Amino acid sequence: MAPLGGAPRLVLLFSGKRKSGKDFVTEALQSRLGADICAILRLSGPLKEQYAQEHGLNFQRLLDASTYKEAYRRDMIRWGEEKRQADPGFFCKKIVEGVSQPIWLVSDTRRVSDIQWFQEAYGAAVQTVRVVASEQSRQQRGWVFTPGVDDAESECGLDNFGDFDWVIKNHGDEQHLEEQLGNLLEFVYSRL
């Protein structure tokens, strides 16, 4: 499968549980690298946009961490699964269209099929990054276990993936997080 966007030098696929800090980590990396070099791609963006269009909902409100989004989360997950069953790369293809930066941070990789699509499309440019946080840290960030969400494939699909190229521990120790980000940034710079 030929890449649909520009040819990236590096594609970092971030995964982790809800409230582990995936967005925080990817935004911290982008702020250090610059938006001209580094793009954050969100698989949930096209999913939410398409879902909002088909269901007459407010797309912008589905993007934030609101009760509005939470009210639709289960049905969005179900709907997204149906789309992926028909075409496993459906959302992956949409997020890479027109991206020109050499570094891509996919902030919400959730399934083995997502990783496989990027590996098939971009080969050796792909690295997997797992962001982990203790349950206590996640609860402090507002996480509450929700049946049908936290035990669904969208949260658990990569629990047994195997070895990630990078593991970022985000338990609330800012100094340790900065050290880990520094190591990852060194690797990113080596690819530029």
Protein backbone atom coordinates (compact mmCIF):
# COMPACT_ATOMS: atom_id res chain seq x y z
CA MET A 1 0.00 0.00 0.00
CA ALA A 2 1.52 3.33 -1.03
CA PRO A 3 1.56 6.12 1.54
CA LEU A 4 -1.30 8.54 1.04
CA GLY A 5 0.29 11.61 2.62
CA GLY A 6 3.83 12.88 2.24
CA ALA A 7 6.65 10.47 3.02
CA PRO A 8 7.36 10.87 6.74
CA ARG A 9 10.81 10.32 8.20
CA LEU A 10 9.30 9.02 11.43
CA VAL A 11 5.83 7.91 12.53
CA LEU A 12 5.39 7.48 16.29
CA LEU A 13 2.25 5.52 17.16
CA PHE A 14 1.16 6.42 20.71
CA SER A 15 -1.15 4.17 22.70
CA GLY A 16 -2.29 3.96 26.30
CA LYS A 17 -5.32 3.83 28.52
CA ARG A 18 -7.74 6.71 28.98
CA LYS A 19 -6.18 9.48 31.10
CA SER A 20 -2.67 7.99 30.77
CA GLY A 21 -1.48 11.24 29.19
CA LYS A 22 -1.16 10.39 25.49
CA ASP A 23 -2.29 13.84 24.39
CA PHE A 24 -0.13 15.54 27.03
CA VAL A 25 2.96 13.65 25.85
CA THR A 26 2.36 14.22 22.13
CA GLU A 27 1.64 17.91 22.68
CA ALA A 28 4.81 18.25 24.79
CA LEU A 29 6.84 16.66 21.98
CA GLN A 30 5.26 18.85 19.32
CA SER A 31 5.90 22.00 21.37
CA ARG A 32 9.61 21.10 21.52
CA LEU A 33 9.89 20.09 17.85
CA GLY A 34 7.63 22.75 16.34
CA ALA A 35 4.45 22.35 14.29
CA ASP A 36 6.40 22.90 11.06
CA ILE A 37 8.42 19.70 11.72
CA CYS A 38 5.93 17.64 13.70
CA ALA A 39 2.24 16.90 13.13
CA ILE A 40 -0.09 15.38 15.69
CA LEU A 41 -2.55 13.05 13.97
CA ARG A 42 -5.64 11.83 15.84
CA LEU A 43 -7.45 8.73 14.65
CA SER A 44 -10.43 9.79 16.76
CA GLY A 45 -10.76 13.06 14.81
CA PRO A 46 -12.16 11.65 11.56
CA LEU A 47 -14.15 9.09 13.53
CA LYS A 48 -15.83 11.82 15.58
CA GLU A 49 -16.33 14.07 12.56
CA GLN A 50 -18.00 11.33 10.50
CA TYR A 51 -20.04 10.17 13.50
CA ALA A 52 -21.22 13.74 14.18
CA GLN A 53 -22.24 14.21 10.53
CA GLU A 54 -24.17 10.95 10.38
CA HIS A 55 -25.90 11.55 13.73
CA GLY A 56 -26.52 15.32 13.57
CA LEU A 57 -24.21 16.09 16.51
CA ASN A 58 -21.81 18.93 17.37
CA PHE A 59 -18.38 17.78 16.13
CA GLN A 60 -16.42 20.36 18.18
CA ARG A 61 -18.08 19.22 21.41
CA LEU A 62 -17.17 15.59 20.61
CA LEU A 63 -13.49 16.63 20.48
CA ASP A 64 -13.23 17.94 24.04
CA ALA A 65 -13.18 16.06 27.33
CA SER A 66 -16.80 16.85 28.08
CA THR A 67 -19.87 15.06 29.37
CA TYR A 68 -21.31 15.63 25.88
CA LYS A 69 -18.63 13.34 24.38
CA GLU A 70 -19.05 10.82 27.19
CA ALA A 71 -22.79 10.59 26.49
CA TYR A 72 -22.03 9.31 22.98
CA ARG A 73 -18.78 7.39 23.64
CA ARG A 74 -20.25 3.85 23.71
CA ASP A 75 -22.25 4.32 20.53
CA MET A 76 -19.27 6.01 18.83
CA ILE A 77 -17.13 3.00 19.73
CA ARG A 78 -19.71 0.61 18.30
CA TRP A 79 -20.10 2.71 15.14
CA GLY A 80 -16.31 2.99 14.71
CA GLU A 81 -15.94 -0.79 15.04
CA GLU A 82 -18.47 -1.28 12.23
CA LYS A 83 -16.48 1.07 9.98
CA ARG A 84 -13.20 -0.73 10.82
CA GLN A 85 -14.71 -4.15 10.15
CA ALA A 86 -15.62 -2.97 6.66
CA ASP A 87 -12.18 -1.34 6.13
CA PRO A 88 -9.50 -1.68 8.87
CA GLY A 89 -7.58 1.31 7.48
CA PHE A 90 -10.62 3.60 7.10
CA PHE A 91 -9.59 6.16 9.76
CA CYS A 92 -5.83 5.74 9.22
CA LYS A 93 -6.16 6.75 5.56
CA LYS A 94 -8.14 9.85 6.47
CA ILE A 95 -5.64 11.27 8.98
CA VAL A 96 -2.58 11.08 6.70
CA GLU A 97 -4.15 12.94 3.78
CA GLY A 98 -2.13 16.06 2.98
CA VAL A 99 0.27 15.85 5.95
CA SER A 100 3.62 17.34 4.94
CA GLN A 101 5.67 17.43 8.14
CA PRO A 102 8.51 14.87 8.38
CA ILE A 103 7.55 13.71 11.92
CA TRP A 104 4.09 12.28 12.63
CA LEU A 105 2.76 11.63 16.13
CA VAL A 106 -0.38 9.49 16.01
CA SER A 107 -1.74 10.29 19.45
CA ASP A 108 -4.43 7.64 19.86
CA THR A 109 -3.46 4.30 18.35
CA ARG A 110 -5.86 1.75 19.84
CA ARG A 111 -5.82 -1.45 17.79
CA VAL A 112 -3.37 -3.92 16.30
CA SER A 113 -4.99 -3.18 12.91
CA ASP A 114 -3.98 0.52 13.30
CA ILE A 115 -0.35 -0.47 13.90
CA GLN A 116 -0.40 -2.97 11.04
CA TRP A 117 -1.78 -0.38 8.61
CA PHE A 118 0.96 2.14 9.44
CA GLN A 119 3.68 -0.54 9.33
CA GLU A 120 2.49 -1.71 5.91
CA ALA A 121 2.24 1.86 4.61
CA TYR A 122 5.41 3.36 6.15
CA GLY A 123 7.63 0.40 7.13
CA ALA A 124 10.82 1.20 9.02
CA ALA A 125 9.67 4.79 9.71
CA VAL A 126 7.17 3.44 12.27
CA GLN A 127 7.85 3.19 16.01
CA THR A 128 5.35 2.24 18.73
CA VAL A 129 5.12 4.21 21.97
CA ARG A 130 3.08 3.05 24.97
CA VAL A 131 2.17 5.70 27.55
CA VAL A 132 1.47 4.10 30.93
CA ALA A 133 0.14 5.60 34.15
CA SER A 134 -0.90 4.03 37.41
CA GLU A 135 -4.60 3.66 38.09
CA GLN A 136 -4.17 6.18 40.93
CA SER A 137 -2.59 8.75 38.56
CA ARG A 138 -5.36 8.21 36.04
CA GLN A 139 -8.02 8.65 38.74
CA GLN A 140 -6.38 11.91 39.81
CA ARG A 141 -6.80 13.05 36.20
CA GLY A 142 -10.52 12.25 36.31
CA TRP A 143 -10.63 8.64 35.12
CA VAL A 144 -13.45 6.45 36.41
CA PHE A 145 -13.88 2.89 35.15
CA THR A 146 -16.80 2.77 32.73
CA PRO A 147 -18.15 -0.65 31.68
CA GLY A 148 -18.46 -0.96 27.91
CA VAL A 149 -15.69 1.62 27.46
CA ASP A 150 -12.72 0.66 29.61
CA ASP A 151 -13.16 -3.05 28.88
CA ALA A 152 -13.77 -2.60 25.13
CA GLU A 153 -11.27 -3.12 22.31
CA SER A 154 -10.85 0.64 21.97
CA GLU A 155 -9.16 0.61 25.41
CA CYS A 156 -7.80 -2.95 25.60
CA GLY A 157 -6.89 -3.79 21.99
CA LEU A 158 -3.16 -3.31 22.57
CA ASP A 159 -2.89 -4.68 26.12
CA ASN A 160 -1.20 -7.84 24.83
CA PHE A 161 0.52 -6.31 21.81
CA GLY A 162 3.96 -7.36 22.96
CA ASP A 163 7.05 -5.20 22.93
CA PHE A 164 6.59 -1.53 22.23
CA ASP A 165 9.59 0.34 20.87
CA TRP A 166 9.21 2.93 23.64
CA VAL A 167 7.39 2.98 26.98
CA ILE A 168 6.76 6.35 28.61
CA LYS A 169 5.90 6.15 32.31
CA ASN A 170 3.62 9.05 33.18
CA HIS A 171 2.78 8.46 36.84
CA GLY A 172 3.05 12.11 37.84
CA ASP A 173 6.83 12.43 38.35
CA GLU A 174 7.60 15.45 36.14
CA GLN A 175 11.38 15.04 36.28
CA HIS A 176 11.24 11.39 35.24
CA LEU A 177 8.80 12.24 32.44
CA GLU A 178 11.16 14.97 31.18
CA GLU A 179 14.07 12.49 31.12
CA GLN A 180 12.02 10.04 29.07
CA LEU A 181 10.87 12.75 26.67
CA GLY A 182 14.49 13.86 26.30
CA ASN A 183 15.53 10.33 25.27
CA LEU A 184 12.68 10.12 22.77
CA LEU A 185 13.52 13.56 21.37
CA GLU A 186 17.14 12.51 20.83
CA PHE A 187 15.87 9.59 18.76
CA VAL A 188 13.49 11.85 16.80
CA TYR A 189 16.34 14.28 16.00
CA SER A 190 18.45 11.36 14.78
CA ARG A 191 15.78 10.74 12.12
CA LEU A 192 15.68 14.32 10.81
